[in-house]
Every structure is written in structure tokens, then in C-alpha cells.
Amino acid sequence: MDPLDRLDDAAAAAAFRRLVRHLRHRTDAENIDLMGLAGFCRNCLSDWVGEAGGLDKATARETIYGMPYDEWKARHQGEATPEQLRRMEESVAKNDTQGAAVAPPARPGL
């Protein structure tokens, strides 16, 4: 059994909330850069929350972003550069789409 599966749900939930609040604070860490480094971003987290909690996409995104997604994009998201898109594509290609990691995004430049 994976040690992560033995982690108490309350501890896991507290750590998840801390991660989300950290990402809300670090608006300088853009989704495209997160995708380029780790193969996931805030949108991925919102998709996972939506799937796990039965939330619609807009509600799940507002849960993660702390505001409506369109408002967050207008305030904090710049245009992705070709280099950022290249890094994202390379990073996402490493994801295990059959298991624990995330599938590639529906559209580049999240």
C-alpha cells in the first residue's frame, strides 16, 4: 500500500487547503509555468476537485482560484510565450495519463 493512502483524510485535506492557499497567494506562478515544470496547474486541481466532489467546472475553479476564473485570468494571467508552451508540452508528455498524474490539457496555454 502506498503510504499516501495511509495518510489521515483530515491531514490530507489540511495540506491540500494549504497548497491551494499558497497558489492563490503566488499569482506570479502562472499556470503555464506550473504546467511546464510539474505537468499540472490550478485548472488541473479544479478539475480533480470537481470530479471528486461532483462540482461543475465554474464552481470547482472558483473554489481553487478564490474568485471567478475569468476574473483571475484578467488580473493575473499573461499571454503564453512559445518557450512556455514548448516546456508545457514536454512536461505534460511525461505525465502518466493512466494513473496518478494528469492528462494533457484540452488547450495549450491554460
N, C-alpha and C. Protein backbone atom coordinates (compact mmCIF):
# COMPACT_ATOMS: atom_id res chain seq x y z
N MET A 1 0.84 -1.19 0.00
CA MET A 1 0.00 0.00 0.00
C MET A 1 0.89 1.25 0.00
N ASP A 2 0.50 2.21 -0.80
CA ASP A 2 1.20 3.50 -0.87
C ASP A 2 1.02 4.23 0.46
N PRO A 3 2.10 4.73 1.07
CA PRO A 3 1.99 5.46 2.33
C PRO A 3 1.02 6.64 2.25
N LEU A 4 0.87 7.21 1.07
CA LEU A 4 -0.08 8.31 0.91
C LEU A 4 -1.50 7.87 1.23
N ASP A 5 -1.82 6.61 0.91
CA ASP A 5 -3.16 6.09 1.18
C ASP A 5 -3.41 5.87 2.67
N ARG A 6 -2.35 5.85 3.45
CA ARG A 6 -2.50 5.69 4.90
C ARG A 6 -2.60 7.04 5.61
N LEU A 7 -2.39 8.11 4.88
CA LEU A 7 -2.48 9.44 5.46
C LEU A 7 -3.92 9.74 5.86
N ASP A 8 -4.09 10.23 7.06
CA ASP A 8 -5.41 10.59 7.57
C ASP A 8 -6.08 11.61 6.65
N ASP A 9 -7.37 11.44 6.38
CA ASP A 9 -8.08 12.34 5.47
C ASP A 9 -8.06 13.78 5.97
N ALA A 10 -8.14 13.99 7.26
CA ALA A 10 -8.12 15.36 7.80
C ALA A 10 -6.76 16.02 7.54
N ALA A 11 -5.69 15.27 7.70
CA ALA A 11 -4.36 15.81 7.44
C ALA A 11 -4.19 16.09 5.94
N ALA A 12 -4.67 15.18 5.11
CA ALA A 12 -4.58 15.38 3.66
C ALA A 12 -5.38 16.60 3.24
N ALA A 13 -6.56 16.76 3.79
CA ALA A 13 -7.40 17.92 3.45
C ALA A 13 -6.74 19.22 3.90
N ALA A 14 -6.14 19.22 5.09
CA ALA A 14 -5.46 20.42 5.58
C ALA A 14 -4.27 20.78 4.69
N ALA A 15 -3.51 19.78 4.28
CA ALA A 15 -2.36 20.02 3.40
C ALA A 15 -2.84 20.53 2.04
N PHE A 16 -3.91 19.97 1.52
CA PHE A 16 -4.46 20.40 0.24
C PHE A 16 -4.91 21.85 0.32
N ARG A 17 -5.63 22.21 1.38
CA ARG A 17 -6.07 23.60 1.53
C ARG A 17 -4.88 24.55 1.62
N ARG A 18 -3.84 24.12 2.30
CA ARG A 18 -2.64 24.95 2.39
C ARG A 18 -2.01 25.14 1.02
N LEU A 19 -1.94 24.08 0.22
CA LEU A 19 -1.42 24.17 -1.14
C LEU A 19 -2.25 25.15 -1.96
N VAL A 20 -3.56 25.04 -1.90
CA VAL A 20 -4.43 25.92 -2.69
C VAL A 20 -4.24 27.37 -2.26
N ARG A 21 -4.20 27.62 -0.95
CA ARG A 21 -4.00 28.99 -0.48
C ARG A 21 -2.63 29.53 -0.89
N HIS A 22 -1.64 28.67 -0.90
CA HIS A 22 -0.31 29.06 -1.36
C HIS A 22 -0.37 29.48 -2.84
N LEU A 23 -1.04 28.69 -3.66
CA LEU A 23 -1.17 29.01 -5.08
C LEU A 23 -1.99 30.28 -5.30
N ARG A 24 -3.00 30.51 -4.46
CA ARG A 24 -3.76 31.75 -4.57
C ARG A 24 -2.87 32.96 -4.28
N HIS A 25 -1.99 32.82 -3.31
CA HIS A 25 -1.08 33.90 -2.94
C HIS A 25 -0.02 34.12 -4.02
N ARG A 26 0.48 33.04 -4.61
CA ARG A 26 1.57 33.12 -5.58
C ARG A 26 1.02 33.28 -7.00
N THR A 27 0.35 34.39 -7.22
CA THR A 27 -0.21 34.64 -8.56
C THR A 27 0.89 34.82 -9.59
N ASP A 28 2.12 35.07 -9.15
CA ASP A 28 3.24 35.19 -10.08
C ASP A 28 3.61 33.84 -10.69
N ALA A 29 3.22 32.76 -10.05
CA ALA A 29 3.45 31.41 -10.59
C ALA A 29 2.28 31.11 -11.52
N GLU A 30 2.46 31.43 -12.80
CA GLU A 30 1.37 31.27 -13.76
C GLU A 30 1.12 29.80 -14.07
N ASN A 31 -0.10 29.51 -14.48
CA ASN A 31 -0.47 28.14 -14.81
C ASN A 31 0.45 27.54 -15.87
N ILE A 32 0.78 28.31 -16.89
CA ILE A 32 1.63 27.80 -17.97
C ILE A 32 2.99 27.38 -17.41
N ASP A 33 3.51 28.14 -16.43
CA ASP A 33 4.80 27.78 -15.83
C ASP A 33 4.67 26.55 -14.95
N LEU A 34 3.57 26.45 -14.20
CA LEU A 34 3.33 25.25 -13.40
C LEU A 34 3.25 24.02 -14.31
N MET A 35 2.55 24.16 -15.43
CA MET A 35 2.44 23.05 -16.38
C MET A 35 3.82 22.69 -16.93
N GLY A 36 4.63 23.70 -17.21
CA GLY A 36 5.95 23.46 -17.76
C GLY A 36 6.90 22.78 -16.80
N LEU A 37 6.70 23.02 -15.50
CA LEU A 37 7.58 22.41 -14.50
C LEU A 37 7.03 21.09 -13.96
N ALA A 38 5.74 21.05 -13.69
CA ALA A 38 5.19 19.91 -12.97
C ALA A 38 4.11 19.14 -13.73
N GLY A 39 3.68 19.65 -14.86
CA GLY A 39 2.67 18.95 -15.63
C GLY A 39 1.27 19.05 -15.07
N PHE A 40 1.05 20.01 -14.15
CA PHE A 40 -0.29 20.28 -13.65
C PHE A 40 -0.36 21.74 -13.24
N CYS A 41 -1.59 22.25 -13.09
CA CYS A 41 -1.77 23.65 -12.72
C CYS A 41 -3.05 23.79 -11.89
N ARG A 42 -3.43 25.01 -11.65
CA ARG A 42 -4.64 25.29 -10.89
C ARG A 42 -5.88 24.70 -11.57
N ASN A 43 -5.91 24.75 -12.90
CA ASN A 43 -7.05 24.18 -13.62
C ASN A 43 -7.13 22.67 -13.40
N CYS A 44 -5.98 22.02 -13.36
CA CYS A 44 -5.96 20.58 -13.08
C CYS A 44 -6.53 20.32 -11.70
N LEU A 45 -6.06 21.10 -10.72
CA LEU A 45 -6.57 20.93 -9.36
C LEU A 45 -8.08 21.13 -9.33
N SER A 46 -8.56 22.15 -10.03
CA SER A 46 -10.01 22.38 -10.02
C SER A 46 -10.75 21.24 -10.71
N ASP A 47 -10.17 20.68 -11.75
CA ASP A 47 -10.80 19.52 -12.40
C ASP A 47 -10.87 18.33 -11.43
N TRP A 48 -9.78 18.10 -10.70
CA TRP A 48 -9.75 17.00 -9.74
C TRP A 48 -10.76 17.22 -8.62
N VAL A 49 -10.86 18.45 -8.14
CA VAL A 49 -11.83 18.78 -7.09
C VAL A 49 -13.25 18.58 -7.62
N GLY A 50 -13.48 19.04 -8.83
CA GLY A 50 -14.80 18.88 -9.43
C GLY A 50 -15.19 17.43 -9.58
N GLU A 51 -14.25 16.61 -10.06
CA GLU A 51 -14.52 15.18 -10.21
C GLU A 51 -14.76 14.52 -8.87
N ALA A 52 -13.93 14.84 -7.89
CA ALA A 52 -14.04 14.21 -6.57
C ALA A 52 -15.29 14.67 -5.82
N GLY A 53 -15.66 15.93 -6.01
CA GLY A 53 -16.76 16.49 -5.23
C GLY A 53 -18.06 16.66 -5.98
N GLY A 54 -18.07 16.27 -7.25
CA GLY A 54 -19.30 16.42 -8.04
C GLY A 54 -19.66 17.87 -8.32
N LEU A 55 -18.64 18.73 -8.45
CA LEU A 55 -18.89 20.15 -8.71
C LEU A 55 -18.82 20.44 -10.20
N ASP A 56 -19.60 21.43 -10.63
CA ASP A 56 -19.48 21.86 -12.02
C ASP A 56 -18.16 22.61 -12.17
N LYS A 57 -17.74 22.79 -13.41
CA LYS A 57 -16.44 23.37 -13.70
C LYS A 57 -16.26 24.76 -13.10
N ALA A 58 -17.26 25.63 -13.25
CA ALA A 58 -17.15 27.00 -12.74
C ALA A 58 -17.03 27.02 -11.22
N THR A 59 -17.79 26.21 -10.54
CA THR A 59 -17.74 26.16 -9.07
C THR A 59 -16.41 25.59 -8.61
N ALA A 60 -15.93 24.56 -9.27
CA ALA A 60 -14.64 23.96 -8.90
C ALA A 60 -13.51 24.96 -9.11
N ARG A 61 -13.54 25.69 -10.21
CA ARG A 61 -12.49 26.68 -10.46
C ARG A 61 -12.55 27.82 -9.44
N GLU A 62 -13.73 28.28 -9.12
CA GLU A 62 -13.83 29.35 -8.12
C GLU A 62 -13.35 28.86 -6.76
N THR A 63 -13.56 27.59 -6.46
CA THR A 63 -13.06 27.00 -5.22
C THR A 63 -11.54 27.07 -5.16
N ILE A 64 -10.88 26.77 -6.26
CA ILE A 64 -9.42 26.78 -6.30
C ILE A 64 -8.87 28.20 -6.42
N TYR A 65 -9.42 28.99 -7.29
CA TYR A 65 -8.89 30.33 -7.54
C TYR A 65 -9.30 31.35 -6.46
N GLY A 66 -10.37 31.09 -5.74
CA GLY A 66 -10.84 32.04 -4.74
C GLY A 66 -11.62 33.20 -5.34
N MET A 67 -11.94 33.09 -6.60
CA MET A 67 -12.71 34.10 -7.33
C MET A 67 -13.12 33.46 -8.66
N PRO A 68 -14.06 34.07 -9.37
CA PRO A 68 -14.40 33.51 -10.68
C PRO A 68 -13.15 33.44 -11.58
N TYR A 69 -13.07 32.38 -12.34
CA TYR A 69 -11.89 32.11 -13.17
C TYR A 69 -11.60 33.26 -14.14
N ASP A 70 -12.62 33.79 -14.78
CA ASP A 70 -12.39 34.89 -15.73
C ASP A 70 -11.79 36.11 -15.05
N GLU A 71 -12.19 36.37 -13.82
CA GLU A 71 -11.62 37.48 -13.07
C GLU A 71 -10.14 37.22 -12.77
N TRP A 72 -9.82 35.99 -12.35
CA TRP A 72 -8.43 35.65 -12.06
C TRP A 72 -7.57 35.80 -13.31
N LYS A 73 -8.08 35.28 -14.44
CA LYS A 73 -7.32 35.39 -15.69
C LYS A 73 -7.06 36.85 -16.04
N ALA A 74 -8.06 37.69 -15.92
CA ALA A 74 -7.90 39.10 -16.26
C ALA A 74 -6.87 39.79 -15.36
N ARG A 75 -6.82 39.41 -14.12
CA ARG A 75 -5.91 40.03 -13.16
C ARG A 75 -4.48 39.48 -13.24
N HIS A 76 -4.34 38.18 -13.49
CA HIS A 76 -3.05 37.53 -13.24
C HIS A 76 -2.44 36.75 -14.39
N GLN A 77 -3.17 36.49 -15.45
CA GLN A 77 -2.65 35.60 -16.49
C GLN A 77 -2.22 36.39 -17.71
N GLY A 78 -0.95 36.23 -18.07
CA GLY A 78 -0.44 36.85 -19.28
C GLY A 78 -0.53 35.90 -20.46
N GLU A 79 -0.10 36.40 -21.61
CA GLU A 79 -0.06 35.58 -22.82
C GLU A 79 1.12 34.61 -22.73
N ALA A 80 0.89 33.36 -23.05
CA ALA A 80 1.96 32.37 -23.02
C ALA A 80 2.93 32.59 -24.17
N THR A 81 4.20 32.46 -23.86
CA THR A 81 5.24 32.59 -24.89
C THR A 81 5.43 31.24 -25.59
N PRO A 82 6.02 31.24 -26.77
CA PRO A 82 6.31 29.96 -27.43
C PRO A 82 7.19 29.05 -26.55
N GLU A 83 8.14 29.62 -25.82
CA GLU A 83 9.01 28.83 -24.94
C GLU A 83 8.20 28.20 -23.81
N GLN A 84 7.29 28.95 -23.22
CA GLN A 84 6.44 28.40 -22.15
C GLN A 84 5.58 27.25 -22.69
N LEU A 85 5.03 27.44 -23.86
CA LEU A 85 4.21 26.38 -24.47
C LEU A 85 5.04 25.14 -24.76
N ARG A 86 6.27 25.33 -25.24
CA ARG A 86 7.15 24.19 -25.52
C ARG A 86 7.45 23.42 -24.24
N ARG A 87 7.80 24.15 -23.17
CA ARG A 87 8.10 23.48 -21.90
C ARG A 87 6.87 22.75 -21.36
N MET A 88 5.69 23.37 -21.50
CA MET A 88 4.47 22.72 -21.05
C MET A 88 4.24 21.42 -21.81
N GLU A 89 4.39 21.45 -23.12
CA GLU A 89 4.17 20.25 -23.93
C GLU A 89 5.14 19.14 -23.54
N GLU A 90 6.41 19.49 -23.33
CA GLU A 90 7.40 18.50 -22.92
C GLU A 90 7.06 17.93 -21.54
N SER A 91 6.64 18.79 -20.64
CA SER A 91 6.33 18.35 -19.28
C SER A 91 5.09 17.46 -19.25
N VAL A 92 4.06 17.88 -19.95
CA VAL A 92 2.81 17.11 -19.97
C VAL A 92 3.03 15.74 -20.60
N ALA A 93 3.95 15.66 -21.56
CA ALA A 93 4.24 14.38 -22.20
C ALA A 93 4.78 13.35 -21.20
N LYS A 94 5.32 13.83 -20.08
CA LYS A 94 5.86 12.93 -19.05
C LYS A 94 4.77 12.41 -18.11
N ASN A 95 3.58 12.98 -18.15
CA ASN A 95 2.51 12.57 -17.25
C ASN A 95 2.06 11.15 -17.53
N ASP A 96 1.71 10.48 -16.46
CA ASP A 96 1.15 9.13 -16.54
C ASP A 96 -0.36 9.28 -16.66
N THR A 97 -0.86 9.31 -17.88
CA THR A 97 -2.29 9.54 -18.07
C THR A 97 -3.15 8.34 -17.67
N GLN A 98 -2.53 7.23 -17.34
CA GLN A 98 -3.28 6.04 -16.91
C GLN A 98 -3.38 5.94 -15.40
N GLY A 99 -2.56 6.69 -14.68
CA GLY A 99 -2.52 6.50 -13.24
C GLY A 99 -2.65 7.78 -12.45
N ALA A 100 -1.63 8.08 -11.67
CA ALA A 100 -1.70 9.14 -10.68
C ALA A 100 -1.60 10.54 -11.27
N ALA A 101 -0.98 10.68 -12.41
CA ALA A 101 -0.76 12.02 -12.95
C ALA A 101 -1.95 12.48 -13.77
N VAL A 102 -1.83 13.62 -14.35
CA VAL A 102 -2.94 14.25 -15.04
C VAL A 102 -2.81 14.08 -16.55
N ALA A 103 -3.94 14.11 -17.21
CA ALA A 103 -3.96 14.04 -18.67
C ALA A 103 -3.58 15.40 -19.24
N PRO A 104 -3.13 15.44 -20.48
CA PRO A 104 -2.78 16.71 -21.10
C PRO A 104 -3.96 17.68 -21.12
N PRO A 105 -3.69 18.97 -21.08
CA PRO A 105 -4.77 19.94 -21.07
C PRO A 105 -5.53 19.95 -22.39
N ALA A 106 -6.77 20.39 -22.32
CA ALA A 106 -7.60 20.44 -23.52
C ALA A 106 -7.08 21.46 -24.52
N ARG A 107 -6.51 22.55 -24.00
CA ARG A 107 -5.96 23.57 -24.89
C ARG A 107 -4.69 24.12 -24.29
N PRO A 108 -3.70 24.41 -25.10
CA PRO A 108 -2.43 24.92 -24.57
C PRO A 108 -2.59 26.31 -24.00
N GLY A 109 -1.68 26.65 -23.09
CA GLY A 109 -1.62 27.98 -22.56
C GLY A 109 -2.54 28.26 -21.41
N LEU A 110 -3.18 27.26 -20.87
CA LEU A 110 -4.10 27.43 -19.76
C LEU A 110 -3.92 28.77 -19.14
